[in-house]
Protein backbone atom coordinates (compact mmCIF):
# COMPACT_ATOMS: atom_id res chain seq x y z
CA MET A 1 -147.27 -105.52 -28.11
CA ARG A 2 -149.28 -106.39 -25.05
CA LYS A 3 -146.58 -104.93 -22.81
CA ILE A 4 -146.70 -101.65 -24.78
CA VAL A 5 -150.47 -101.43 -24.34
CA VAL A 6 -150.14 -102.06 -20.59
CA CYS A 7 -147.45 -99.36 -20.28
CA ILE A 8 -149.60 -96.85 -22.16
CA GLY A 9 -152.49 -97.69 -19.85
CA PHE A 10 -150.39 -97.01 -16.77
CA LEU A 11 -149.19 -93.72 -18.25
CA LEU A 12 -152.77 -92.62 -18.96
CA MET A 13 -153.80 -93.52 -15.41
CA ALA A 14 -150.88 -91.51 -14.02
CA LEU A 15 -151.98 -88.48 -16.02
CA ILE A 16 -155.69 -88.74 -15.29
CA LEU A 17 -155.59 -89.83 -11.64
CA PRO A 18 -154.53 -86.45 -10.12
CA PHE A 19 -157.37 -84.68 -11.89
CA SER A 20 -159.90 -87.32 -10.88
CA LEU A 21 -158.76 -87.11 -7.26
CA ARG A 22 -159.08 -83.31 -7.30
CA SER A 23 -162.56 -83.51 -8.78
CA ALA A 24 -163.55 -85.93 -6.03
CA SER A 25 -162.62 -83.41 -3.34
CA ALA A 26 -162.92 -80.04 -5.10
CA ALA A 27 -165.16 -78.94 -7.95
CA ALA A 28 -164.37 -76.26 -10.49
CA GLY A 29 -166.43 -73.09 -10.74
CA PRO A 30 -168.92 -71.54 -8.29
CA ALA A 31 -170.81 -73.43 -5.63
CA PRO A 32 -174.51 -74.07 -6.28
CA ALA A 33 -176.99 -72.09 -4.21
CA ASP A 34 -178.62 -75.25 -2.84
CA GLU A 35 -175.47 -76.84 -1.41
CA TYR A 36 -174.69 -76.50 2.29
CA PHE A 37 -171.38 -76.16 4.10
CA GLY A 38 -169.85 -76.54 7.55
CA ARG A 39 -171.07 -78.31 10.62
CA HIS A 40 -174.26 -76.22 10.64
CA GLN A 41 -174.95 -76.77 6.91
CA VAL A 42 -175.08 -73.17 5.65
CA SER A 43 -175.68 -72.16 2.03
CA ILE A 44 -173.56 -69.55 0.26
CA LEU A 45 -176.52 -67.17 0.24
CA GLU A 46 -176.93 -67.56 3.99
CA ILE A 47 -173.20 -66.98 4.42
CA ARG A 48 -173.54 -63.68 2.56
CA ASN A 49 -176.57 -62.73 4.66
CA ARG A 50 -174.67 -63.42 7.88
CA LEU A 51 -171.70 -61.37 6.69
CA ASP A 52 -174.12 -58.52 5.97
CA ALA A 53 -175.46 -58.86 9.51
CA PHE A 54 -171.95 -58.61 10.98
CA ASP A 55 -171.17 -55.57 8.85
CA ALA A 56 -174.27 -53.88 10.28
CA LYS A 57 -173.42 -54.58 13.93
CA SER A 58 -172.37 -51.63 16.04
CA ASP A 59 -168.89 -51.46 17.56
CA THR A 60 -170.49 -52.40 20.89
CA ASP A 61 -172.60 -55.34 19.69
CA ILE A 62 -169.77 -57.03 17.81
CA LEU A 63 -167.71 -57.27 21.02
CA ASP A 64 -170.32 -59.58 22.54
CA PRO A 65 -168.87 -63.09 23.13
CA ASP A 66 -171.87 -64.63 21.34
CA ALA A 67 -170.93 -62.68 18.22
CA VAL A 68 -167.49 -64.30 18.25
CA VAL A 69 -169.06 -67.77 18.53
CA SER A 70 -171.21 -66.99 15.49
CA LEU A 71 -168.14 -65.76 13.63
CA ASP A 72 -166.36 -69.04 14.32
CA ASP A 73 -169.38 -70.96 12.96
CA LEU A 74 -169.27 -68.79 9.84
CA GLN A 75 -165.53 -69.40 9.48
CA ASP A 76 -166.17 -73.16 9.58
CA ALA A 77 -168.72 -72.88 6.76
CA ILE A 78 -166.47 -70.68 4.59
CA LEU A 79 -163.50 -73.02 4.98
CA ASP A 80 -165.66 -75.98 3.97
CA TRP A 81 -166.95 -73.99 0.98
CA GLN A 82 -163.38 -73.12 -0.04
CA LYS A 83 -162.28 -76.74 0.27
CA LYS A 84 -165.04 -77.96 -2.06
CA TYR A 85 -165.19 -75.04 -4.52
CA PRO A 86 -161.80 -73.27 -4.34
CA ASP A 87 -162.37 -71.43 -7.64
CA ASP A 88 -165.64 -69.80 -6.58
CA PRO A 89 -165.21 -66.07 -7.34
CA TRP A 90 -167.21 -65.11 -4.24
CA LEU A 91 -164.66 -66.63 -1.86
CA PRO A 92 -161.92 -63.95 -1.71
CA ARG A 93 -164.40 -61.22 -0.79
CA SER A 94 -166.14 -63.51 1.72
CA PHE A 95 -162.81 -64.23 3.43
CA MET A 96 -162.03 -60.51 3.51
CA ARG A 97 -165.37 -59.64 5.09
CA LEU A 98 -164.99 -62.44 7.65
CA LEU A 99 -161.57 -61.17 8.70
CA HIS A 100 -162.86 -57.61 8.88
CA ALA A 101 -165.52 -58.82 11.33
CA TYR A 102 -162.90 -60.69 13.39
CA LYS A 103 -160.82 -57.51 13.55
CA ARG A 104 -163.78 -55.41 14.72
CA ALA A 105 -164.59 -58.04 17.33
CA GLY A 106 -161.06 -57.75 18.72
CA VAL A 107 -160.16 -61.39 18.05
CA ALA A 108 -158.13 -61.16 14.84
CA SER A 109 -155.31 -63.03 16.58
CA ASP A 110 -157.52 -65.96 17.67
CA PRO A 111 -156.81 -69.35 16.03
CA ALA A 112 -160.01 -69.31 13.94
CA ALA A 113 -159.15 -65.93 12.42
CA THR A 114 -155.48 -66.70 11.79
CA SER A 115 -156.44 -70.03 10.23
CA ALA A 116 -158.84 -68.29 7.84
CA LEU A 117 -156.20 -65.74 6.88
CA ALA A 118 -153.62 -68.50 6.28
CA VAL A 119 -156.01 -70.34 3.93
CA MET A 120 -156.81 -67.12 2.10
CA ARG A 121 -153.16 -66.17 1.63
CA SER A 122 -152.33 -69.67 0.39
CA ALA A 123 -155.31 -70.04 -1.97
CA TYR A 124 -155.54 -66.47 -3.30
CA PRO A 125 -152.09 -64.89 -2.90
CA ASP A 126 -152.56 -62.42 -5.78
CA ALA A 127 -156.13 -61.38 -5.06
CA GLU A 128 -156.74 -57.74 -4.19
CA GLU A 129 -159.02 -58.89 -1.38
CA THR A 130 -156.11 -60.80 0.18
CA ALA A 131 -153.94 -57.69 0.30
CA THR A 132 -156.85 -55.80 1.83
CA ALA A 133 -157.43 -58.53 4.45
CA VAL A 134 -153.77 -58.47 5.46
CA ALA A 135 -153.94 -54.68 5.81
CA ILE A 136 -157.10 -54.99 7.91
CA VAL A 137 -155.62 -57.55 10.29
CA TYR A 138 -152.11 -56.13 10.61
CA GLY A 139 -152.60 -52.50 9.71
CA GLY A 140 -155.61 -51.45 11.78
CA GLY A 141 -158.39 -52.09 9.28
CA ASP A 142 -158.66 -48.71 7.57
CA ASN A 143 -162.07 -48.56 5.91
CA ALA A 144 -160.53 -46.65 3.00
CA LEU A 145 -159.07 -49.99 1.95
CA LEU A 146 -162.57 -51.38 1.58
CA ALA A 147 -163.78 -49.08 -1.18
CA ASP A 148 -166.27 -50.78 -3.53
CA SER A 149 -166.83 -53.41 -0.85
CA PRO A 150 -170.21 -54.12 0.80
CA ILE A 151 -168.43 -53.45 4.09
CA ALA A 152 -167.86 -49.82 3.20
CA THR A 153 -171.56 -49.13 2.79
CA ALA A 154 -172.31 -50.56 6.22
CA GLN A 155 -170.10 -48.07 8.10
CA PRO A 156 -171.74 -45.19 9.98
CA VAL A 157 -171.75 -41.92 8.08
CA THR A 158 -169.55 -39.30 9.74
CA VAL A 159 -171.54 -36.15 10.39
CA ALA A 160 -170.97 -33.08 12.52
CA PRO A 161 -172.10 -34.03 16.04
CA PRO A 162 -174.38 -31.77 18.08
CA VAL A 163 -172.95 -29.95 21.06
CA VAL A 164 -173.61 -32.24 24.02
CA LEU A 165 -171.99 -33.12 27.32
CA ASP A 166 -169.56 -36.04 27.43
CA ASP A 167 -171.89 -38.37 29.29
CA GLU A 168 -174.59 -37.82 26.67
CA VAL A 169 -172.45 -38.77 23.69
CA PRO A 170 -173.58 -42.19 22.41
CA TRP A 171 -170.86 -44.63 21.36
CA ALA A 172 -172.00 -44.64 17.72
CA ARG A 173 -171.13 -40.96 17.52
CA PHE A 174 -168.00 -41.17 19.67
CA ARG A 175 -165.63 -41.78 16.77
CA THR A 176 -166.57 -38.46 15.17
CA LEU A 177 -165.22 -36.64 18.22
CA ARG A 178 -161.81 -38.29 18.39
CA GLY A 179 -158.92 -35.91 18.33
CA TYR A 180 -161.09 -32.78 18.51
CA MET A 181 -161.93 -30.16 21.11
CA ASP A 182 -165.12 -30.88 23.01
CA GLU A 183 -167.21 -27.77 22.33
CA ALA A 184 -169.45 -28.42 25.32
CA ASP A 185 -166.86 -28.02 28.08
CA ASP A 186 -163.79 -26.89 26.09
CA ARG A 187 -161.66 -29.77 27.36
CA MET A 188 -158.86 -31.12 25.20
CA ARG A 189 -159.12 -34.68 23.95
CA ILE A 190 -155.90 -36.64 23.92
CA ALA A 191 -154.38 -39.86 22.59
CA VAL A 192 -152.80 -42.52 24.81
CA SER A 193 -150.55 -45.16 23.25
CA GLY A 194 -148.37 -47.95 24.58
CA LEU A 195 -147.33 -51.59 24.39
CA VAL A 196 -148.76 -54.69 26.10
CA ILE A 197 -146.46 -57.68 26.62
CA ASP A 198 -146.19 -60.92 28.57
CA ALA A 199 -144.42 -60.15 31.85
CA GLN A 200 -142.47 -63.41 31.80
CA THR A 201 -141.61 -63.96 28.13
CA GLN A 202 -141.60 -60.30 27.03
CA SER A 203 -143.65 -61.37 23.97
CA PRO A 204 -146.24 -58.91 22.60
CA ILE A 205 -149.87 -59.65 23.44
CA ALA A 206 -152.41 -59.15 20.67
CA GLY A 207 -156.15 -58.91 21.20
CA ALA A 208 -156.15 -57.25 24.62
CA VAL A 209 -158.69 -54.45 25.09
CA VAL A 210 -157.23 -51.25 26.57
CA PHE A 211 -159.62 -48.72 28.14
CA VAL A 212 -158.53 -45.20 29.06
CA GLY A 213 -160.71 -42.78 31.00
CA PRO A 214 -160.31 -39.65 33.11
CA ASN A 215 -160.74 -39.53 36.90
CA THR A 216 -161.69 -43.18 37.45
CA PHE A 217 -161.16 -46.76 36.27
CA ALA A 218 -163.79 -47.78 33.72
CA SER A 219 -164.24 -50.55 31.14
CA ASP A 220 -167.64 -49.85 29.61
CA VAL A 221 -167.33 -49.98 25.81
CA SER A 222 -170.40 -47.76 25.44
CA SER A 223 -168.81 -44.81 27.23
CA THR A 224 -165.07 -45.38 27.71
CA PRO A 225 -162.57 -44.89 24.85
CA PHE A 226 -160.74 -48.12 24.07
CA ALA A 227 -158.49 -49.85 21.54
CA VAL A 228 -157.50 -53.45 20.85
CA THR A 229 -153.80 -54.29 20.86
CA ASP A 230 -152.39 -55.11 17.43
CA TYR A 231 -150.32 -58.16 16.46
CA ASP A 232 -147.19 -56.45 17.85
CA GLY A 233 -148.86 -55.57 21.17
CA THR A 234 -149.16 -51.85 20.43
CA PHE A 235 -152.26 -49.75 20.98
CA SER A 236 -153.42 -46.17 20.60
CA VAL A 237 -156.58 -44.93 22.31
CA ASP A 238 -157.81 -41.68 20.79
CA GLY A 239 -160.47 -39.22 21.90
CA VAL A 240 -159.73 -39.46 25.64
CA SER A 241 -161.04 -36.56 27.73
CA LEU A 242 -158.43 -34.77 29.81
CA GLY A 243 -158.79 -35.66 33.48
CA GLN A 244 -159.18 -33.29 36.37
CA ALA A 245 -155.94 -31.48 37.18
CA PHE A 246 -154.11 -32.20 40.43
CA ALA A 247 -151.50 -29.87 41.89
CA GLY A 248 -147.99 -31.26 42.21
CA ASP A 249 -144.79 -29.64 43.41
CA GLY A 250 -145.04 -26.46 41.33
CA TRP A 251 -146.89 -28.17 38.47
CA TYR A 252 -150.20 -29.81 37.57
CA TRP A 253 -150.81 -33.29 36.30
CA HIS A 254 -153.84 -34.91 34.69
CA PRO A 255 -154.30 -38.58 35.60
CA GLU A 256 -155.72 -40.99 33.06
CA TYR A 257 -156.84 -44.36 34.34
CA ILE A 258 -155.95 -47.43 32.26
CA VAL A 259 -157.75 -50.76 32.38
CA VAL A 260 -156.48 -53.68 30.26
CA ARG A 261 -158.86 -56.56 29.63
CA PRO A 262 -156.78 -59.65 28.62
CA PRO A 263 -157.48 -61.45 25.32
CA ARG A 264 -160.48 -63.75 25.35
CA GLY A 265 -159.56 -67.22 26.58
CA SER A 266 -156.16 -66.24 27.98
CA ARG A 267 -154.98 -66.74 31.56
CA TYR A 268 -153.69 -63.22 32.07
CA ALA A 269 -154.97 -61.14 34.95
CA PRO A 270 -156.54 -57.74 34.20
CA TYR A 271 -154.32 -54.69 34.60
CA ARG A 272 -154.96 -51.28 36.13
CA GLY A 273 -152.65 -48.29 36.07
CA VAL A 274 -152.49 -44.50 35.97
CA VAL A 275 -150.55 -42.28 33.58
CA ASP A 276 -149.99 -38.51 33.50
CA ALA A 277 -151.71 -36.85 30.53
CA SER A 278 -150.32 -33.35 30.76
CA ASN A 279 -149.30 -33.58 27.10
CA ARG A 280 -151.80 -34.18 24.33
CA PHE A 281 -150.05 -37.33 23.10
CA VAL A 282 -149.35 -39.64 26.02
CA ASP A 283 -147.01 -42.63 26.07
CA ALA A 284 -148.24 -45.17 28.60
CA GLY A 285 -145.04 -47.13 28.16
CA THR A 286 -144.90 -50.92 28.44
CA ILE A 287 -147.72 -52.70 30.24
CA ARG A 288 -146.85 -56.20 31.45
CA LEU A 289 -149.63 -58.74 31.96
CA ARG A 290 -149.14 -61.62 34.36
CA GLU A 291 -150.93 -64.93 34.66
């Protein structure tokens, strides 16, 4: 009889132990508002406030290196939150907004961003926010995917721009001019696309910033059209003004000057090149970065 009681006790311990271990490391339900997460001890309300602040940043401000450092701190807090309260209903949307900010900052391929996406896909594989986050990171981040999200309300409203000269167009209004005729000087705007790879391994390079401008090399995000290479190394820079025409042997060509800024933290050297933009849609071909 005693042996039977002992066996039943061991069976009960085997059944209860996994649940007790999970409760020791992860709690069910939402996180309390007065609990703090990550190395900087951030509450869930502060996490939401910081995500709101990133949503409100301009396309120029979010490219600042300090913004990326703050994003990494926020990622650390969200991962700690997820580890302790994996069932919190706020988490999928918080992950999605974090990854949207990483994408806008041009560092969606950095380890911190890819780690956050991996945790999200593992923990919430069927969540709508997970599908949206994957589309943001790998599909260009179309804001139409973010309907009903706080992110959508933070985007600039597209309005008809006033007729101004190119050098007077502020960056916040630049996106509304992409792909259209500039009414001020009647110059065609073009698109320049291509591929950026490692010169030695031939592997695609994600996270490089490609600037394209007419008549001269430029890499000012406030005035020069640019794009960030996707996970497969491709890019497409829209809204580029057509450069001054130069006479060739019985024809004219329009040079566009390309500057490639390597991904943050990489050892690649910057690249400069020139491509003919006689056609509206220009293929810059394959750009090879070297260390």
